[in-house]
PDB file of all heavy atoms in Angstrom:
ATOM      1  N   LYS A   1       0.836  -1.203   0.000  1.00  0.00           N
ATOM      2  CA  LYS A   1       0.000   0.000   0.000  1.00  0.00           C
ATOM      3  C   LYS A   1       0.870   1.252   0.000  1.00  0.00           C
ATOM      4  O   LYS A   1       0.622   2.205  -0.750  1.00  0.00           O
ATOM      5  CB  LYS A   1      -0.917  -0.010   1.228  1.00  0.00           C
ATOM      6  CG  LYS A   1      -1.775   1.249   1.420  1.00  0.00           C
ATOM      7  CD  LYS A   1      -2.701   1.068   2.613  1.00  0.00           C
ATOM      8  CE  LYS A   1      -3.526   2.311   2.892  1.00  0.00           C
ATOM      9  NZ  LYS A   1      -2.706   3.380   3.497  1.00  0.00           N
ATOM     10  N   VAL A   2       1.899   1.259   0.848  1.00  0.00           N
ATOM     11  CA  VAL A   2       2.813   2.404   0.919  1.00  0.00           C
ATOM     12  C   VAL A   2       3.475   2.636  -0.432  1.00  0.00           C
ATOM     13  O   VAL A   2       3.507   3.766  -0.943  1.00  0.00           O
ATOM     14  CB  VAL A   2       3.883   2.186   2.006  1.00  0.00           C
ATOM     15  CG1 VAL A   2       4.950   3.285   1.940  1.00  0.00           C
ATOM     16  CG2 VAL A   2       3.245   2.146   3.382  1.00  0.00           C
ATOM     17  N   ILE A   3       3.997   1.565  -1.015  1.00  0.00           N
ATOM     18  CA  ILE A   3       4.689   1.694  -2.300  1.00  0.00           C
ATOM     19  C   ILE A   3       3.742   2.226  -3.373  1.00  0.00           C
ATOM     20  O   ILE A   3       4.099   3.108  -4.167  1.00  0.00           O
ATOM     21  CB  ILE A   3       5.299   0.340  -2.720  1.00  0.00           C
ATOM     22  CG1 ILE A   3       6.487   0.000  -1.804  1.00  0.00           C
ATOM     23  CG2 ILE A   3       5.744   0.362  -4.184  1.00  0.00           C
ATOM     24  CD1 ILE A   3       7.025  -1.393  -1.983  1.00  0.00           C
ATOM     25  N   GLY A   4       2.519   1.716  -3.386  1.00  0.00           N
ATOM     26  CA  GLY A   4       1.537   2.186  -4.355  1.00  0.00           C
ATOM     27  C   GLY A   4       1.249   3.673  -4.207  1.00  0.00           C
ATOM     28  O   GLY A   4       1.180   4.415  -5.196  1.00  0.00           O
ATOM     29  N   GLU A   5       1.100   4.122  -2.970  1.00  0.00           N
ATOM     30  CA  GLU A   5       0.801   5.533  -2.727  1.00  0.00           C
ATOM     31  C   GLU A   5       2.005   6.422  -3.045  1.00  0.00           C
ATOM     32  O   GLU A   5       1.848   7.544  -3.543  1.00  0.00           O
ATOM     33  CB  GLU A   5       0.349   5.729  -1.281  1.00  0.00           C
ATOM     34  CG  GLU A   5      -1.013   5.094  -1.002  1.00  0.00           C
ATOM     35  CD  GLU A   5      -1.520   5.390   0.402  1.00  0.00           C
ATOM     36  OE1 GLU A   5      -0.893   6.222   1.093  1.00  0.00           O
ATOM     37  OE2 GLU A   5      -2.532   4.785   0.798  1.00  0.00           O
ATOM     38  N   LEU A   6       3.209   5.931  -2.767  1.00  0.00           N
ATOM     39  CA  LEU A   6       4.396   6.708  -3.094  1.00  0.00           C
ATOM     40  C   LEU A   6       4.556   6.843  -4.609  1.00  0.00           C
ATOM     41  O   LEU A   6       4.903   7.919  -5.118  1.00  0.00           O
ATOM     42  CB  LEU A   6       5.643   6.066  -2.481  1.00  0.00           C
ATOM     43  CG  LEU A   6       5.740   6.108  -0.951  1.00  0.00           C
ATOM     44  CD1 LEU A   6       6.997   5.387  -0.486  1.00  0.00           C
ATOM     45  CD2 LEU A   6       5.745   7.540  -0.435  1.00  0.00           C
ATOM     46  N   LYS A   7       4.304   5.773  -5.327  1.00  0.00           N
ATOM     47  CA  LYS A   7       4.391   5.847  -6.787  1.00  0.00           C
ATOM     48  C   LYS A   7       3.376   6.833  -7.344  1.00  0.00           C
ATOM     49  O   LYS A   7       3.689   7.625  -8.250  1.00  0.00           O
ATOM     50  CB  LYS A   7       4.172   4.456  -7.392  1.00  0.00           C
ATOM     51  CG  LYS A   7       5.341   3.504  -7.190  1.00  0.00           C
ATOM     52  CD  LYS A   7       5.054   2.143  -7.815  1.00  0.00           C
ATOM     53  CE  LYS A   7       6.254   1.209  -7.687  1.00  0.00           C
ATOM     54  NZ  LYS A   7       5.973  -0.142  -8.278  1.00  0.00           N
ATOM     55  N   ALA A   8       2.164   6.801  -6.794  1.00  0.00           N
ATOM     56  CA  ALA A   8       1.133   7.737  -7.250  1.00  0.00           C
ATOM     57  C   ALA A   8       1.551   9.175  -6.956  1.00  0.00           C
ATOM     58  O   ALA A   8       1.350  10.079  -7.795  1.00  0.00           O
ATOM     59  CB  ALA A   8      -0.194   7.424  -6.562  1.00  0.00           C
ATOM     60  N   ALA A   9       2.156   9.406  -5.795  1.00  0.00           N
ATOM     61  CA  ALA A   9       2.606  10.758  -5.433  1.00  0.00           C
ATOM     62  C   ALA A   9       3.736  11.217  -6.349  1.00  0.00           C
ATOM     63  O   ALA A   9       3.799  12.391  -6.743  1.00  0.00           O
ATOM     64  CB  ALA A   9       3.050  10.792  -3.979  1.00  0.00           C
ATOM     65  N   ILE A  10       4.619  10.294  -6.693  1.00  0.00           N
ATOM     66  CA  ILE A  10       5.726  10.636  -7.602  1.00  0.00           C
ATOM     67  C   ILE A  10       5.189  11.017  -8.983  1.00  0.00           C
ATOM     68  O   ILE A  10       5.622  12.012  -9.585  1.00  0.00           O
ATOM     69  CB  ILE A  10       6.712   9.453  -7.706  1.00  0.00           C
ATOM     70  CG1 ILE A  10       7.482   9.307  -6.385  1.00  0.00           C
ATOM     71  CG2 ILE A  10       7.679   9.637  -8.873  1.00  0.00           C
ATOM     72  CD1 ILE A  10       8.230   8.002  -6.239  1.00  0.00           C
ATOM     73  N   LEU A  11       4.224  10.263  -9.480  1.00  0.00           N
ATOM     74  CA  LEU A  11       3.626  10.590 -10.777  1.00  0.00           C
ATOM     75  C   LEU A  11       2.892  11.925 -10.727  1.00  0.00           C
ATOM     76  O   LEU A  11       2.898  12.691 -11.698  1.00  0.00           O
ATOM     77  CB  LEU A  11       2.666   9.477 -11.195  1.00  0.00           C
ATOM     78  CG  LEU A  11       3.311   8.123 -11.546  1.00  0.00           C
ATOM     79  CD1 LEU A  11       2.236   7.077 -11.800  1.00  0.00           C
ATOM     80  CD2 LEU A  11       4.243   8.263 -12.744  1.00  0.00           C
ATOM     81  N   ARG A  12       2.287  12.204  -9.590  1.00  0.00           N
ATOM     82  CA  ARG A  12       1.529  13.455  -9.452  1.00  0.00           C
ATOM     83  C   ARG A  12       2.454  14.665  -9.312  1.00  0.00           C
ATOM     84  O   ARG A  12       2.241  15.703  -9.943  1.00  0.00           O
ATOM     85  CB  ARG A  12       0.619  13.350  -8.226  1.00  0.00           C
ATOM     86  CG  ARG A  12      -0.262  14.564  -7.994  1.00  0.00           C
ATOM     87  CD  ARG A  12      -1.211  14.343  -6.833  1.00  0.00           C
ATOM     88  NE  ARG A  12      -0.527  14.139  -5.556  1.00  0.00           N
ATOM     89  CZ  ARG A  12      -0.451  12.988  -4.905  1.00  0.00           C
ATOM     90  NH1 ARG A  12      -1.032  11.897  -5.399  1.00  0.00           N
ATOM     91  NH2 ARG A  12       0.196  12.895  -3.755  1.00  0.00           N
ATOM     92  N   GLU A  13       3.502  14.526  -8.498  1.00  0.00           N
ATOM     93  CA  GLU A  13       4.384  15.663  -8.194  1.00  0.00           C
ATOM     94  C   GLU A  13       5.489  15.850  -9.223  1.00  0.00           C
ATOM     95  O   GLU A  13       6.045  16.941  -9.355  1.00  0.00           O
ATOM     96  CB  GLU A  13       5.000  15.490  -6.803  1.00  0.00           C
ATOM     97  CG  GLU A  13       3.998  15.443  -5.665  1.00  0.00           C
ATOM     98  CD  GLU A  13       3.333  16.794  -5.426  1.00  0.00           C
ATOM     99  OE1 GLU A  13       3.871  17.814  -5.876  1.00  0.00           O
ATOM    100  OE2 GLU A  13       2.259  16.803  -4.784  1.00  0.00           O
ATOM    101  N   LYS A  14       5.845  14.752  -9.914  1.00  0.00           N
ATOM    102  CA  LYS A  14       6.926  14.797 -10.906  1.00  0.00           C
ATOM    103  C   LYS A  14       8.181  15.488 -10.345  1.00  0.00           C
ATOM    104  O   LYS A  14       8.601  16.548 -10.828  1.00  0.00           O
ATOM    105  CB  LYS A  14       6.456  15.515 -12.177  1.00  0.00           C
ATOM    106  CG  LYS A  14       5.324  14.812 -12.902  1.00  0.00           C
ATOM    107  CD  LYS A  14       4.913  15.560 -14.157  1.00  0.00           C
ATOM    108  CE  LYS A  14       3.902  14.779 -14.977  1.00  0.00           C
ATOM    109  NZ  LYS A  14       2.673  14.430 -14.245  1.00  0.00           N
ATOM    110  N   PRO A  15       8.790  14.901  -9.319  1.00  0.00           N
ATOM    111  CA  PRO A  15       9.970  15.543  -8.715  1.00  0.00           C
ATOM    112  C   PRO A  15      11.132  15.651  -9.695  1.00  0.00           C
ATOM    113  O   PRO A  15      11.262  14.851 -10.635  1.00  0.00           O
ATOM    114  CB  PRO A  15      10.316  14.602  -7.557  1.00  0.00           C
ATOM    115  CG  PRO A  15       9.743  13.279  -7.944  1.00  0.00           C
ATOM    116  CD  PRO A  15       8.487  13.598  -8.693  1.00  0.00           C
ATOM    117  N   ASP A  16      11.968  16.649  -9.465  1.00  0.00           N
ATOM    118  CA  ASP A  16      13.143  16.856 -10.324  1.00  0.00           C
ATOM    119  C   ASP A  16      14.269  15.894  -9.968  1.00  0.00           C
ATOM    120  O   ASP A  16      15.154  15.646 -10.792  1.00  0.00           O
ATOM    121  CB  ASP A  16      13.616  18.300 -10.178  1.00  0.00           C
ATOM    122  CG  ASP A  16      12.553  19.285 -10.630  1.00  0.00           C
ATOM    123  OD1 ASP A  16      12.414  19.461 -11.856  1.00  0.00           O
ATOM    124  OD2 ASP A  16      11.862  19.853  -9.768  1.00  0.00           O
ATOM    125  N   ALA A  17      14.262  15.384  -8.751  1.00  0.00           N
ATOM    126  CA  ALA A  17      15.280  14.428  -8.311  1.00  0.00           C
ATOM    127  C   ALA A  17      14.757  13.686  -7.095  1.00  0.00           C
ATOM    128  O   ALA A  17      13.780  14.108  -6.458  1.00  0.00           O
ATOM    129  CB  ALA A  17      16.594  15.136  -7.979  1.00  0.00           C
ATOM    130  N   ALA A  18      15.411  12.557  -6.789  1.00  0.00           N
ATOM    131  CA  ALA A  18      15.030  11.760  -5.624  1.00  0.00           C
ATOM    132  C   ALA A  18      16.264  11.487  -4.770  1.00  0.00           C
ATOM    133  O   ALA A  18      17.324  11.136  -5.294  1.00  0.00           O
ATOM    134  CB  ALA A  18      14.403  10.439  -6.055  1.00  0.00           C
ATOM    135  N   LEU A  19      16.117  11.688  -3.466  1.00  0.00           N
ATOM    136  CA  LEU A  19      17.158  11.354  -2.498  1.00  0.00           C
ATOM    137  C   LEU A  19      16.686  10.148  -1.696  1.00  0.00           C
ATOM    138  O   LEU A  19      15.730  10.238  -0.921  1.00  0.00           O
ATOM    139  CB  LEU A  19      17.428  12.540  -1.566  1.00  0.00           C
ATOM    140  CG  LEU A  19      18.415  12.284  -0.422  1.00  0.00           C
ATOM    141  CD1 LEU A  19      19.815  11.992  -0.966  1.00  0.00           C
ATOM    142  CD2 LEU A  19      18.459  13.468   0.546  1.00  0.00           C
ATOM    143  N   LEU A  20      17.336   9.017  -1.900  1.00  0.00           N
ATOM    144  CA  LEU A  20      17.003   7.785  -1.186  1.00  0.00           C
ATOM    145  C   LEU A  20      18.071   7.549  -0.126  1.00  0.00           C
ATOM    146  O   LEU A  20      19.270   7.563  -0.439  1.00  0.00           O
ATOM    147  CB  LEU A  20      16.933   6.601  -2.153  1.00  0.00           C
ATOM    148  CG  LEU A  20      16.043   6.802  -3.386  1.00  0.00           C
ATOM    149  CD1 LEU A  20      16.030   5.530  -4.236  1.00  0.00           C
ATOM    150  CD2 LEU A  20      14.630   7.203  -2.990  1.00  0.00           C
ATOM    151  N   VAL A  21      17.645   7.323   1.110  1.00  0.00           N
ATOM    152  CA  VAL A  21      18.582   7.226   2.232  1.00  0.00           C
ATOM    153  C   VAL A  21      18.467   5.854   2.882  1.00  0.00           C
ATOM    154  O   VAL A  21      17.424   5.524   3.472  1.00  0.00           O
ATOM    155  CB  VAL A  21      18.322   8.339   3.274  1.00  0.00           C
ATOM    156  CG1 VAL A  21      19.387   8.297   4.363  1.00  0.00           C
ATOM    157  CG2 VAL A  21      18.300   9.708   2.605  1.00  0.00           C
ATOM    158  N   ASP A  22      19.525   5.041   2.727  1.00  0.00           N
ATOM    159  CA  ASP A  22      19.571   3.724   3.374  1.00  0.00           C
ATOM    160  C   ASP A  22      18.307   2.918   3.015  1.00  0.00           C
ATOM    161  O   ASP A  22      17.913   2.884   1.870  1.00  0.00           O
ATOM    162  CB  ASP A  22      19.752   3.901   4.872  1.00  0.00           C
ATOM    163  CG  ASP A  22      20.346   2.681   5.558  1.00  0.00           C
ATOM    164  OD1 ASP A  22      20.620   1.682   4.877  1.00  0.00           O
ATOM    165  OD2 ASP A  22      20.542   2.728   6.785  1.00  0.00           O
ATOM    166  N   TYR A  23      17.695   2.220   3.964  1.00  0.00           N
ATOM    167  CA  TYR A  23      16.386   1.555   3.827  1.00  0.00           C
ATOM    168  C   TYR A  23      16.254   0.822   2.486  1.00  0.00           C
ATOM    169  O   TYR A  23      15.338   1.091   1.694  1.00  0.00           O
ATOM    170  CB  TYR A  23      15.291   2.619   3.971  1.00  0.00           C
ATOM    171  CG  TYR A  23      13.972   2.104   4.512  1.00  0.00           C
ATOM    172  CD1 TYR A  23      13.890   1.570   5.787  1.00  0.00           C
ATOM    173  CD2 TYR A  23      12.814   2.171   3.756  1.00  0.00           C
ATOM    174  CE1 TYR A  23      12.689   1.113   6.302  1.00  0.00           C
ATOM    175  CE2 TYR A  23      11.602   1.706   4.243  1.00  0.00           C
ATOM    176  CZ  TYR A  23      11.547   1.182   5.517  1.00  0.00           C
ATOM    177  OH  TYR A  23      10.340   0.727   6.013  1.00  0.00           O
ATOM    178  N   PRO A  24      17.144  -0.138   2.198  1.00  0.00           N
ATOM    179  CA  PRO A  24      17.274  -0.673   0.840  1.00  0.00           C
ATOM    180  C   PRO A  24      16.077  -1.457   0.316  1.00  0.00           C
ATOM    181  O   PRO A  24      15.811  -1.419  -0.890  1.00  0.00           O
ATOM    182  CB  PRO A  24      18.510  -1.571   0.937  1.00  0.00           C
ATOM    183  CG  PRO A  24      18.622  -1.916   2.392  1.00  0.00           C
ATOM    184  CD  PRO A  24      18.133  -0.710   3.125  1.00  0.00           C
ATOM    185  N   GLY A  25      15.357  -2.183   1.184  1.00  0.00           N
ATOM    186  CA  GLY A  25      14.252  -2.998   0.688  1.00  0.00           C
ATOM    187  C   GLY A  25      13.273  -2.187  -0.131  1.00  0.00           C
ATOM    188  O   GLY A  25      12.901  -2.562  -1.256  1.00  0.00           O
ATOM    189  N   MET A  26      12.837  -1.054   0.399  1.00  0.00           N
ATOM    190  CA  MET A  26      11.886  -0.200  -0.310  1.00  0.00           C
ATOM    191  C   MET A  26      12.589   0.751  -1.269  1.00  0.00           C
ATOM    192  O   MET A  26      12.107   1.002  -2.381  1.00  0.00           O
ATOM    193  CB  MET A  26      11.040   0.588   0.676  1.00  0.00           C
ATOM    194  CG  MET A  26       9.954   1.432   0.007  1.00  0.00           C
ATOM    195  SD  MET A  26       8.791   2.156   1.185  1.00  0.00           S
ATOM    196  CE  MET A  26       7.952   0.679   1.768  1.00  0.00           C
ATOM    197  N   ASN A  27      13.745   1.274  -0.867  1.00  0.00           N
ATOM    198  CA  ASN A  27      14.394   2.272  -1.699  1.00  0.00           C
ATOM    199  C   ASN A  27      14.854   1.720  -3.044  1.00  0.00           C
ATOM    200  O   ASN A  27      14.758   2.402  -4.062  1.00  0.00           O
ATOM    201  CB  ASN A  27      15.575   2.897  -0.953  1.00  0.00           C
ATOM    202  CG  ASN A  27      15.154   4.108  -0.143  1.00  0.00           C
ATOM    203  OD1 ASN A  27      14.173   4.770  -0.468  1.00  0.00           O
ATOM    204  ND2 ASN A  27      15.886   4.408   0.912  1.00  0.00           N
ATOM    205  N   LEU A  28      15.354   0.502  -3.077  1.00  0.00           N
ATOM    206  CA  LEU A  28      15.786  -0.048  -4.359  1.00  0.00           C
ATOM    207  C   LEU A  28      14.591  -0.345  -5.263  1.00  0.00           C
ATOM    208  O   LEU A  28      14.680  -0.234  -6.490  1.00  0.00           O
ATOM    209  CB  LEU A  28      16.638  -1.304  -4.137  1.00  0.00           C
ATOM    210  CG  LEU A  28      18.041  -1.029  -3.600  1.00  0.00           C
ATOM    211  CD1 LEU A  28      18.776  -2.330  -3.322  1.00  0.00           C
ATOM    212  CD2 LEU A  28      18.839  -0.169  -4.576  1.00  0.00           C
ATOM    213  N   HIS A  29      13.466  -0.710  -4.672  1.00  0.00           N
ATOM    214  CA  HIS A  29      12.247  -0.898  -5.457  1.00  0.00           C
ATOM    215  C   HIS A  29      11.808   0.439  -6.068  1.00  0.00           C
ATOM    216  O   HIS A  29      11.497   0.513  -7.257  1.00  0.00           O
ATOM    217  CB  HIS A  29      11.135  -1.472  -4.585  1.00  0.00           C
ATOM    218  CG  HIS A  29       9.879  -1.758  -5.333  1.00  0.00           C
ATOM    219  ND1 HIS A  29       9.615  -2.984  -5.909  1.00  0.00           N
ATOM    220  CD2 HIS A  29       8.815  -0.970  -5.630  1.00  0.00           C
ATOM    221  CE1 HIS A  29       8.445  -2.930  -6.518  1.00  0.00           C
ATOM    222  NE2 HIS A  29       7.933  -1.715  -6.362  1.00  0.00           N
ATOM    223  N   LEU A  30      11.800   1.488  -5.243  1.00  0.00           N
ATOM    224  CA  LEU A  30      11.411   2.810  -5.734  1.00  0.00           C
ATOM    225  C   LEU A  30      12.433   3.353  -6.726  1.00  0.00           C
ATOM    226  O   LEU A  30      12.078   4.099  -7.646  1.00  0.00           O
ATOM    227  CB  LEU A  30      11.237   3.775  -4.570  1.00  0.00           C
ATOM    228  CG  LEU A  30       9.812   3.962  -4.013  1.00  0.00           C
ATOM    229  CD1 LEU A  30       8.898   4.592  -5.044  1.00  0.00           C
ATOM    230  CD2 LEU A  30       9.231   2.649  -3.516  1.00  0.00           C
ATOM    231  N   ALA A  31      13.715   3.004  -6.558  1.00  0.00           N
ATOM    232  CA  ALA A  31      14.746   3.480  -7.480  1.00  0.00           C
ATOM    233  C   ALA A  31      14.449   3.032  -8.903  1.00  0.00           C
ATOM    234  O   ALA A  31      14.597   3.811  -9.865  1.00  0.00           O
ATOM    235  CB  ALA A  31      16.120   2.986  -7.042  1.00  0.00           C
ATOM    236  N   ALA A  32      14.016   1.776  -9.058  1.00  0.00           N
ATOM    237  CA  ALA A  32      13.692   1.275 -10.396  1.00  0.00           C
ATOM    238  C   ALA A  32      12.516   2.044 -10.989  1.00  0.00           C
ATOM    239  O   ALA A  32      12.517   2.396 -12.182  1.00  0.00           O
ATOM    240  CB  ALA A  32      13.381  -0.213 -10.313  1.00  0.00           C
ATOM    241  N   PHE A  33      11.513   2.327 -10.171  1.00  0.00           N
ATOM    242  CA  PHE A  33      10.353   3.075 -10.651  1.00  0.00           C
ATOM    243  C   PHE A  33      10.742   4.499 -11.033  1.00  0.00           C
ATOM    244  O   PHE A  33      10.341   5.014 -12.087  1.00  0.00           O
ATOM    245  CB  PHE A  33       9.275   3.094  -9.564  1.00  0.00           C
ATOM    246  CG  PHE A  33       8.063   3.903  -9.929  1.00  0.00           C
ATOM    247  CD1 PHE A  33       7.103   3.393 -10.787  1.00  0.00           C
ATOM    248  CD2 PHE A  33       7.879   5.178  -9.400  1.00  0.00           C
ATOM    249  CE1 PHE A  33       5.986   4.142 -11.127  1.00  0.00           C
ATOM    250  CE2 PHE A  33       6.768   5.929  -9.723  1.00  0.00           C
ATOM    251  CZ  PHE A  33       5.817   5.410 -10.600  1.00  0.00           C
ATOM    252  N   LEU A  34      11.528   5.139 -10.192  1.00  0.00           N
ATOM    253  CA  LEU A  34      11.969   6.507 -10.464  1.00  0.00           C
ATOM    254  C   LEU A  34      12.786   6.569 -11.751  1.00  0.00           C
ATOM    255  O   LEU A  34      12.626   7.493 -12.565  1.00  0.00           O
ATOM    256  CB  LEU A  34      12.802   7.029  -9.291  1.00  0.00           C
ATOM    257  CG  LEU A  34      12.027   7.331  -7.998  1.00  0.00           C
ATOM    258  CD1 LEU A  34      12.964   7.313  -6.794  1.00  0.00           C
ATOM    259  CD2 LEU A  34      11.315   8.673  -8.090  1.00  0.00           C
ATOM    260  N   LYS A  35      13.650   5.585 -11.936  1.00  0.00           N
ATOM    261  CA  LYS A  35      14.480   5.551 -13.140  1.00  0.00           C
ATOM    262  C   LYS A  35      13.616   5.474 -14.397  1.00  0.00           C
ATOM    263  O   LYS A  35      13.881   6.155 -15.400  1.00  0.00           O
ATOM    264  CB  LYS A  35      15.433   4.346 -13.069  1.00  0.00           C
ATOM    265  CG  LYS A  35      16.486   4.328 -14.166  1.00  0.00           C
ATOM    266  CD  LYS A  35      17.515   5.399 -13.942  1.00  0.00           C
ATOM    267  CE  LYS A  35      18.676   5.262 -14.912  1.00  0.00           C
ATOM    268  NZ  LYS A  35      19.673   6.333 -14.723  1.00  0.00           N
ATOM    269  N   LYS A  36      12.553   4.669 -14.342  1.00  0.00           N
ATOM    270  CA  LYS A  36      11.654   4.544 -15.496  1.00  0.00           C
ATOM    271  C   LYS A  36      10.946   5.852 -15.804  1.00  0.00           C
ATOM    272  O   LYS A  36      10.589   6.115 -16.959  1.00  0.00           O
ATOM    273  CB  LYS A  36      10.617   3.445 -15.222  1.00  0.00           C
ATOM    274  CG  LYS A  36      11.173   2.037 -15.294  1.00  0.00           C
ATOM    275  CD  LYS A  36      10.084   1.004 -15.036  1.00  0.00           C
ATOM    276  CE  LYS A  36      10.666  -0.407 -15.074  1.00  0.00           C
ATOM    277  NZ  LYS A  36       9.608  -1.428 -14.770  1.00  0.00           N
ATOM    278  N   GLN A  37      10.763   6.672 -14.781  1.00  0.00           N
ATOM    279  CA  GLN A  37      10.101   7.966 -14.987  1.00  0.00           C
ATOM    280  C   GLN A  37      11.097   9.051 -15.410  1.00  0.00           C
ATOM    281  O   GLN A  37      10.704  10.207 -15.600  1.00  0.00           O
ATOM    282  CB  GLN A  37       9.395   8.413 -13.698  1.00  0.00           C
ATOM    283  CG  GLN A  37       8.478   7.385 -13.070  1.00  0.00           C
ATOM    284  CD  GLN A  37       7.484   6.800 -14.043  1.00  0.00           C
ATOM    285  OE1 GLN A  37       6.840   7.524 -14.807  1.00  0.00           O
ATOM    286  NE2 GLN A  37       7.356   5.475 -14.031  1.00  0.00           N
ATOM    287  N   GLY A  38      12.351   8.680 -15.553  1.00  0.00           N
ATOM    288  CA  GLY A  38      13.365   9.657 -15.948  1.00  0.00           C
ATOM    289  C   GLY A  38      13.773  10.604 -14.831  1.00  0.00           C
ATOM    290  O   GLY A  38      14.301  11.689 -15.098  1.00  0.00           O
ATOM    291  N   ILE A  39      13.551  10.207 -13.588  1.00  0.00           N
ATOM    292  CA  ILE A  39      13.883  11.047 -12.429  1.00  0.00           C
ATOM    293  C   ILE A  39      15.259  10.628 -11.881  1.00  0.00           C
ATOM    294  O   ILE A  39      15.458   9.449 -11.556  1.00  0.00           O
ATOM    295  CB  ILE A  39      12.812  10.907 -11.331  1.00  0.00           C
ATOM    296  CG1 ILE A  39      11.450  11.369 -11.874  1.00  0.00           C
ATOM    297  CG2 ILE A  39      13.202  11.690 -10.085  1.00  0.00           C
ATOM    298  CD1 ILE A  39      10.282  10.998 -10.994  1.00  0.00           C
ATOM    299  N   PRO A  40      16.211  11.540 -11.811  1.00  0.00           N
ATOM    300  CA  PRO A  40      17.540  11.197 -11.294  1.00  0.00           C
ATOM    301  C   PRO A  40      17.470  10.655  -9.868  1.00  0.00           C
ATOM    302  O   PRO A  40      16.780  11.221  -9.021  1.00  0.00           O
ATOM    303  CB  PRO A  40      18.303  12.526 -11.343  1.00  0.00           C
ATOM    304  CG  PRO A  40      17.571  13.361 -12.339  1.00  0.00           C
ATOM    305  CD  PRO A  40      16.129  12.959 -12.222  1.00  0.00           C
ATOM    306  N   VAL A  41      18.199   9.569  -9.627  1.00  0.00           N
ATOM    307  CA  VAL A  41      18.203   8.911  -8.314  1.00  0.00           C
ATOM    308  C   VAL A  41      19.560   9.116  -7.647  1.00  0.00           C
ATOM    309  O   VAL A  41      20.589   8.669  -8.165  1.00  0.00           O
ATOM    310  CB  VAL A  41      17.911   7.404  -8.460  1.00  0.00           C
ATOM    311  CG1 VAL A  41      18.037   6.705  -7.106  1.00  0.00           C
ATOM    312  CG2 VAL A  41      16.527   7.187  -9.050  1.00  0.00           C
ATOM    313  N   ILE A  42      19.543   9.805  -6.509  1.00  0.00           N
ATOM    314  CA  ILE A  42      20.746   9.973  -5.684  1.00  0.00           C
ATOM    315  C   ILE A  42      20.564   9.098  -4.454  1.00  0.00           C
ATOM    316  O   ILE A  42      19.627   9.295  -3.672  1.00  0.00           O
ATOM    317  CB  ILE A  42      20.954  11.449  -5.279  1.00  0.00           C
ATOM    318  CG1 ILE A  42      21.177  12.323  -6.520  1.00  0.00           C
ATOM    319  CG2 ILE A  42      22.149  11.572  -4.344  1.00  0.00           C
ATOM    320  CD1 ILE A  42      19.933  12.951  -7.066  1.00  0.00           C
ATOM    321  N   TYR A  43      21.420   8.100  -4.314  1.00  0.00           N
ATOM    322  CA  TYR A  43      21.316   7.171  -3.180  1.00  0.00           C
ATOM    323  C   TYR A  43      22.405   7.519  -2.170  1.00  0.00           C
ATOM    324  O   TYR A  43      23.589   7.432  -2.464  1.00  0.00           O
ATOM    325  CB  TYR A  43      21.471   5.722  -3.649  1.00  0.00           C
ATOM    326  CG  TYR A  43      20.767   4.726  -2.746  1.00  0.00           C
ATOM    327  CD1 TYR A  43      19.836   3.828  -3.247  1.00  0.00           C
ATOM    328  CD2 TYR A  43      21.038   4.665  -1.384  1.00  0.00           C
ATOM    329  CE1 TYR A  43      19.182   2.922  -2.425  1.00  0.00           C
ATOM    330  CE2 TYR A  43      20.400   3.764  -0.557  1.00  0.00           C
ATOM    331  CZ  TYR A  43      19.470   2.898  -1.080  1.00  0.00           C
ATOM    332  OH  TYR A  43      18.835   2.014  -0.254  1.00  0.00           O
TER     333      TYR A  43
END
């Protein structure tokens, strides 16, 4: 549910970049989604 809502928020807000901090289980999943949207991923 969290991942679904975060993806929806990312599509809605269209961020210019993403800062992912530690927390690899969820962050690496979101990194793949962000990459597909063309959003730079800073880990």
